[in-house]
N, C-alpha and C. Protein backbone atom coordinates (compact mmCIF):
# COMPACT_ATOMS: atom_id res chain seq x y z
N UNK A 1 27.16 -4.51 8.32
CA UNK A 1 27.33 -4.84 9.72
C UNK A 1 26.54 -3.85 10.56
N UNK A 2 25.98 -4.31 11.66
CA UNK A 2 25.19 -3.46 12.53
C UNK A 2 26.08 -2.42 13.21
N UNK A 3 25.55 -1.20 13.35
CA UNK A 3 26.28 -0.15 14.05
C UNK A 3 26.14 -0.30 15.56
N UNK A 4 25.06 -0.89 16.00
CA UNK A 4 24.80 -1.02 17.43
C UNK A 4 24.79 -2.49 17.81
N UNK A 5 25.44 -2.79 18.92
CA UNK A 5 25.50 -4.16 19.41
C UNK A 5 24.63 -4.30 20.65
N UNK A 6 24.17 -5.50 20.88
CA UNK A 6 23.42 -5.79 22.10
C UNK A 6 24.28 -6.59 23.05
N UNK A 7 24.10 -6.36 24.34
CA UNK A 7 24.85 -7.05 25.39
C UNK A 7 24.55 -8.55 25.32
N UNK A 8 25.60 -9.38 25.29
CA UNK A 8 25.37 -10.82 25.27
C UNK A 8 24.83 -11.35 26.60
N UNK A 9 24.90 -10.55 27.65
CA UNK A 9 24.43 -10.97 28.98
C UNK A 9 22.97 -10.62 29.21
N UNK A 10 22.58 -9.36 28.94
CA UNK A 10 21.21 -8.93 29.25
C UNK A 10 20.40 -8.47 28.04
N UNK A 11 21.06 -8.28 26.88
CA UNK A 11 20.36 -7.88 25.67
C UNK A 11 20.22 -6.39 25.46
N UNK A 12 20.67 -5.58 26.41
CA UNK A 12 20.57 -4.13 26.28
C UNK A 12 21.53 -3.61 25.21
N UNK A 13 21.20 -2.48 24.58
CA UNK A 13 22.12 -1.91 23.59
C UNK A 13 23.43 -1.49 24.25
N UNK A 14 24.54 -1.73 23.55
CA UNK A 14 25.87 -1.35 24.06
C UNK A 14 26.41 -0.24 23.18
N UNK A 15 26.89 0.80 23.81
CA UNK A 15 27.65 1.84 23.13
C UNK A 15 28.96 1.95 23.86
N UNK A 16 30.06 1.73 23.18
CA UNK A 16 31.35 1.71 23.85
C UNK A 16 31.75 0.30 24.21
N UNK A 17 32.35 0.13 25.39
CA UNK A 17 32.89 -1.18 25.75
C UNK A 17 32.23 -1.78 26.99
N UNK A 18 31.21 -1.13 27.54
CA UNK A 18 30.56 -1.66 28.74
C UNK A 18 29.06 -1.46 28.67
N UNK A 19 28.32 -2.49 29.08
CA UNK A 19 26.86 -2.40 29.09
C UNK A 19 26.43 -1.42 30.19
N UNK A 20 25.63 -0.41 29.84
CA UNK A 20 25.20 0.56 30.84
C UNK A 20 24.19 0.00 31.84
N UNK A 21 23.63 -1.17 31.56
CA UNK A 21 22.61 -1.74 32.44
C UNK A 21 23.17 -2.77 33.41
N UNK A 22 23.96 -3.74 32.90
CA UNK A 22 24.44 -4.81 33.78
C UNK A 22 25.94 -4.74 34.04
N UNK A 23 26.67 -3.87 33.31
CA UNK A 23 28.10 -3.70 33.55
C UNK A 23 29.00 -4.69 32.83
N UNK A 24 28.43 -5.57 32.00
CA UNK A 24 29.26 -6.53 31.26
C UNK A 24 30.23 -5.77 30.35
N UNK A 25 31.51 -6.16 30.40
CA UNK A 25 32.53 -5.54 29.56
C UNK A 25 32.57 -6.29 28.23
N UNK A 26 32.64 -5.54 27.15
CA UNK A 26 32.58 -6.09 25.81
C UNK A 26 33.81 -5.65 25.02
N UNK A 27 34.55 -6.60 24.48
CA UNK A 27 35.70 -6.30 23.64
C UNK A 27 35.39 -6.78 22.23
N UNK A 28 35.40 -5.88 21.29
CA UNK A 28 35.03 -6.20 19.91
C UNK A 28 36.25 -6.65 19.12
N UNK A 29 36.45 -7.96 19.04
CA UNK A 29 37.59 -8.51 18.31
C UNK A 29 37.38 -8.45 16.80
N UNK A 30 36.21 -8.06 16.35
CA UNK A 30 35.97 -7.92 14.91
C UNK A 30 36.81 -6.78 14.33
N UNK A 31 37.33 -5.92 15.17
CA UNK A 31 38.18 -4.82 14.69
C UNK A 31 39.62 -5.26 14.49
N UNK A 32 39.97 -6.48 14.92
CA UNK A 32 41.33 -6.99 14.75
C UNK A 32 41.44 -7.65 13.39
N UNK A 33 42.02 -6.95 12.44
CA UNK A 33 42.20 -7.50 11.10
C UNK A 33 43.54 -8.23 11.04
N UNK A 34 43.58 -9.42 10.45
CA UNK A 34 44.86 -10.13 10.33
C UNK A 34 45.90 -9.26 9.63
N UNK A 35 47.10 -9.29 10.13
CA UNK A 35 48.25 -8.56 9.56
C UNK A 35 48.13 -7.05 9.65
N UNK A 36 47.17 -6.54 10.43
CA UNK A 36 47.07 -5.09 10.62
C UNK A 36 47.37 -4.80 12.10
N UNK A 37 48.48 -4.14 12.39
CA UNK A 37 48.85 -3.89 13.79
C UNK A 37 47.82 -3.04 14.53
N UNK A 38 47.64 -3.36 15.79
CA UNK A 38 46.78 -2.60 16.67
C UNK A 38 47.40 -2.62 18.07
N UNK A 39 46.92 -1.79 18.96
CA UNK A 39 47.46 -1.74 20.32
C UNK A 39 46.49 -2.39 21.29
N UNK A 40 47.04 -3.15 22.24
CA UNK A 40 46.24 -3.72 23.32
C UNK A 40 46.87 -3.30 24.64
N UNK A 41 46.03 -3.16 25.66
CA UNK A 41 46.50 -2.85 27.02
C UNK A 41 45.93 -3.89 27.96
N UNK A 42 46.73 -4.30 28.92
CA UNK A 42 46.27 -5.27 29.91
C UNK A 42 46.99 -5.05 31.23
N UNK A 43 46.38 -5.50 32.31
CA UNK A 43 47.01 -5.43 33.62
C UNK A 43 47.88 -6.67 33.79
N UNK A 44 49.11 -6.47 34.23
CA UNK A 44 50.03 -7.55 34.51
C UNK A 44 50.70 -7.26 35.84
N UNK A 45 50.32 -8.01 36.86
CA UNK A 45 50.80 -7.81 38.23
C UNK A 45 50.50 -6.37 38.65
N UNK A 46 51.52 -5.56 38.93
CA UNK A 46 51.28 -4.19 39.39
C UNK A 46 51.52 -3.16 38.29
N UNK A 47 51.41 -3.57 37.04
CA UNK A 47 51.68 -2.67 35.92
C UNK A 47 50.60 -2.80 34.85
N UNK A 48 50.56 -1.79 34.01
CA UNK A 48 49.74 -1.85 32.80
C UNK A 48 50.71 -2.00 31.63
N UNK A 49 50.47 -3.02 30.82
CA UNK A 49 51.31 -3.30 29.66
C UNK A 49 50.56 -2.87 28.40
N UNK A 50 51.23 -2.10 27.55
CA UNK A 50 50.68 -1.73 26.25
C UNK A 50 51.59 -2.33 25.19
N UNK A 51 51.00 -3.02 24.22
CA UNK A 51 51.80 -3.65 23.18
C UNK A 51 51.15 -3.44 21.82
N UNK A 52 51.99 -3.30 20.82
CA UNK A 52 51.53 -3.24 19.43
C UNK A 52 51.58 -4.67 18.90
N UNK A 53 50.44 -5.16 18.46
CA UNK A 53 50.34 -6.58 18.09
C UNK A 53 49.57 -6.75 16.79
N UNK A 54 49.72 -7.95 16.23
CA UNK A 54 48.83 -8.40 15.16
C UNK A 54 48.17 -9.68 15.65
N UNK A 55 46.96 -9.91 15.20
CA UNK A 55 46.26 -11.15 15.52
C UNK A 55 46.86 -12.26 14.67
N UNK A 56 47.53 -13.20 15.32
CA UNK A 56 48.22 -14.28 14.60
C UNK A 56 47.26 -15.42 14.28
N UNK A 57 46.40 -15.78 15.24
CA UNK A 57 45.45 -16.86 14.98
C UNK A 57 44.30 -16.79 15.97
N UNK A 58 43.20 -17.39 15.58
CA UNK A 58 42.03 -17.53 16.46
C UNK A 58 41.51 -18.95 16.28
N UNK A 59 41.28 -19.63 17.39
CA UNK A 59 40.82 -21.01 17.36
C UNK A 59 39.54 -21.14 18.17
N UNK A 60 38.52 -21.69 17.56
CA UNK A 60 37.26 -21.95 18.25
C UNK A 60 37.08 -23.45 18.30
N UNK A 61 36.81 -23.98 19.48
CA UNK A 61 36.67 -25.42 19.64
C UNK A 61 35.38 -25.77 20.36
N UNK A 62 34.61 -26.65 19.76
CA UNK A 62 33.39 -27.15 20.38
C UNK A 62 33.53 -28.66 20.58
N UNK A 63 33.27 -29.10 21.78
CA UNK A 63 33.28 -30.54 22.06
C UNK A 63 31.86 -30.93 22.42
N UNK A 64 31.13 -31.35 21.42
CA UNK A 64 29.73 -31.74 21.62
C UNK A 64 28.94 -30.61 22.30
N UNK A 65 29.29 -29.38 21.97
CA UNK A 65 28.64 -28.17 22.49
C UNK A 65 28.74 -28.05 24.00
N UNK A 66 29.70 -28.74 24.59
CA UNK A 66 29.97 -28.58 26.02
C UNK A 66 31.33 -27.90 26.16
N UNK A 67 31.39 -26.91 27.01
CA UNK A 67 32.63 -26.21 27.30
C UNK A 67 33.36 -25.71 26.05
N UNK A 68 32.68 -24.91 25.23
CA UNK A 68 33.39 -24.37 24.06
C UNK A 68 34.54 -23.48 24.52
N UNK A 69 35.58 -23.41 23.72
CA UNK A 69 36.71 -22.54 24.05
C UNK A 69 37.11 -21.72 22.83
N UNK A 70 37.63 -20.56 23.10
CA UNK A 70 38.14 -19.68 22.06
C UNK A 70 39.52 -19.21 22.51
N UNK A 71 40.49 -19.34 21.63
CA UNK A 71 41.84 -18.89 21.94
C UNK A 71 42.29 -17.91 20.86
N UNK A 72 42.85 -16.79 21.32
CA UNK A 72 43.41 -15.80 20.41
C UNK A 72 44.91 -15.75 20.65
N UNK A 73 45.67 -15.74 19.59
CA UNK A 73 47.12 -15.63 19.71
C UNK A 73 47.56 -14.35 19.02
N UNK A 74 48.29 -13.53 19.77
CA UNK A 74 48.80 -12.28 19.24
C UNK A 74 50.32 -12.36 19.11
N UNK A 75 50.86 -11.61 18.17
CA UNK A 75 52.30 -11.50 18.03
C UNK A 75 52.67 -10.03 18.12
N UNK A 76 53.61 -9.72 19.00
CA UNK A 76 54.05 -8.33 19.16
C UNK A 76 54.87 -7.91 17.95
N UNK A 77 54.64 -6.67 17.50
CA UNK A 77 55.40 -6.10 16.40
C UNK A 77 55.92 -4.73 16.84
N UNK A 78 57.13 -4.37 16.46
CA UNK A 78 57.71 -3.11 16.92
C UNK A 78 57.00 -1.87 16.37
N UNK A 79 56.98 -0.80 17.20
CA UNK A 79 56.55 0.52 16.75
C UNK A 79 57.56 1.05 15.73
N UNK A 80 57.27 2.24 15.23
CA UNK A 80 58.21 2.89 14.31
C UNK A 80 59.56 3.14 14.97
N UNK A 81 59.55 3.35 16.31
CA UNK A 81 60.81 3.59 17.03
C UNK A 81 61.44 2.30 17.57
N UNK A 82 60.86 1.14 17.22
CA UNK A 82 61.42 -0.15 17.64
C UNK A 82 60.88 -0.68 18.95
N UNK A 83 60.02 0.08 19.62
CA UNK A 83 59.47 -0.36 20.90
C UNK A 83 58.41 -1.44 20.68
N UNK A 84 58.48 -2.50 21.48
CA UNK A 84 57.49 -3.57 21.38
C UNK A 84 56.46 -3.46 22.50
N UNK A 85 56.93 -3.27 23.73
CA UNK A 85 56.02 -3.22 24.89
C UNK A 85 56.36 -2.00 25.73
N UNK A 86 55.32 -1.30 26.17
CA UNK A 86 55.48 -0.19 27.11
C UNK A 86 54.84 -0.60 28.42
N UNK A 87 55.52 -0.30 29.52
CA UNK A 87 55.03 -0.69 30.84
C UNK A 87 54.82 0.55 31.69
N UNK A 88 53.62 0.65 32.28
CA UNK A 88 53.31 1.73 33.19
C UNK A 88 53.22 1.14 34.59
N UNK A 89 53.91 1.74 35.56
CA UNK A 89 53.84 1.26 36.94
C UNK A 89 53.06 2.25 37.77
N UNK A 90 52.67 1.80 38.93
CA UNK A 90 51.95 2.66 39.85
C UNK A 90 50.65 2.04 40.27
N UNK A 91 49.80 2.86 40.88
CA UNK A 91 48.52 2.35 41.33
C UNK A 91 47.63 2.05 40.13
N UNK A 92 46.97 0.92 40.19
CA UNK A 92 46.12 0.49 39.11
C UNK A 92 44.75 0.17 39.68
N UNK A 93 43.72 0.67 39.03
CA UNK A 93 42.36 0.31 39.43
C UNK A 93 42.09 -1.09 38.92
N UNK A 94 42.04 -2.06 39.85
CA UNK A 94 41.78 -3.44 39.47
C UNK A 94 40.33 -3.58 39.01
N UNK A 95 40.09 -4.39 37.98
CA UNK A 95 38.70 -4.62 37.57
C UNK A 95 37.96 -5.42 38.63
N UNK A 96 36.64 -5.20 38.68
CA UNK A 96 35.84 -5.93 39.66
C UNK A 96 35.74 -7.39 39.34
């Protein structure tokens, strides 16, 4: 597998999660192995939610190559202490 990825928007090399040239955000779902727990964070209303999840399924659908869709389904799994979701409140920098 390649160590370096190119931006799907402008073609520039990406290091990390954001293209340094056009600002496109890149999330590498290739690191989500089935049945291997990982943590995800997302903004939900006025909070940041962190959850330990496993990738339950991924569905790719093409309808005559028009409007393809991809759906990922995650299932929350408890931490060692039994926690499923952690919520942080306060000011959040909204994405552009």
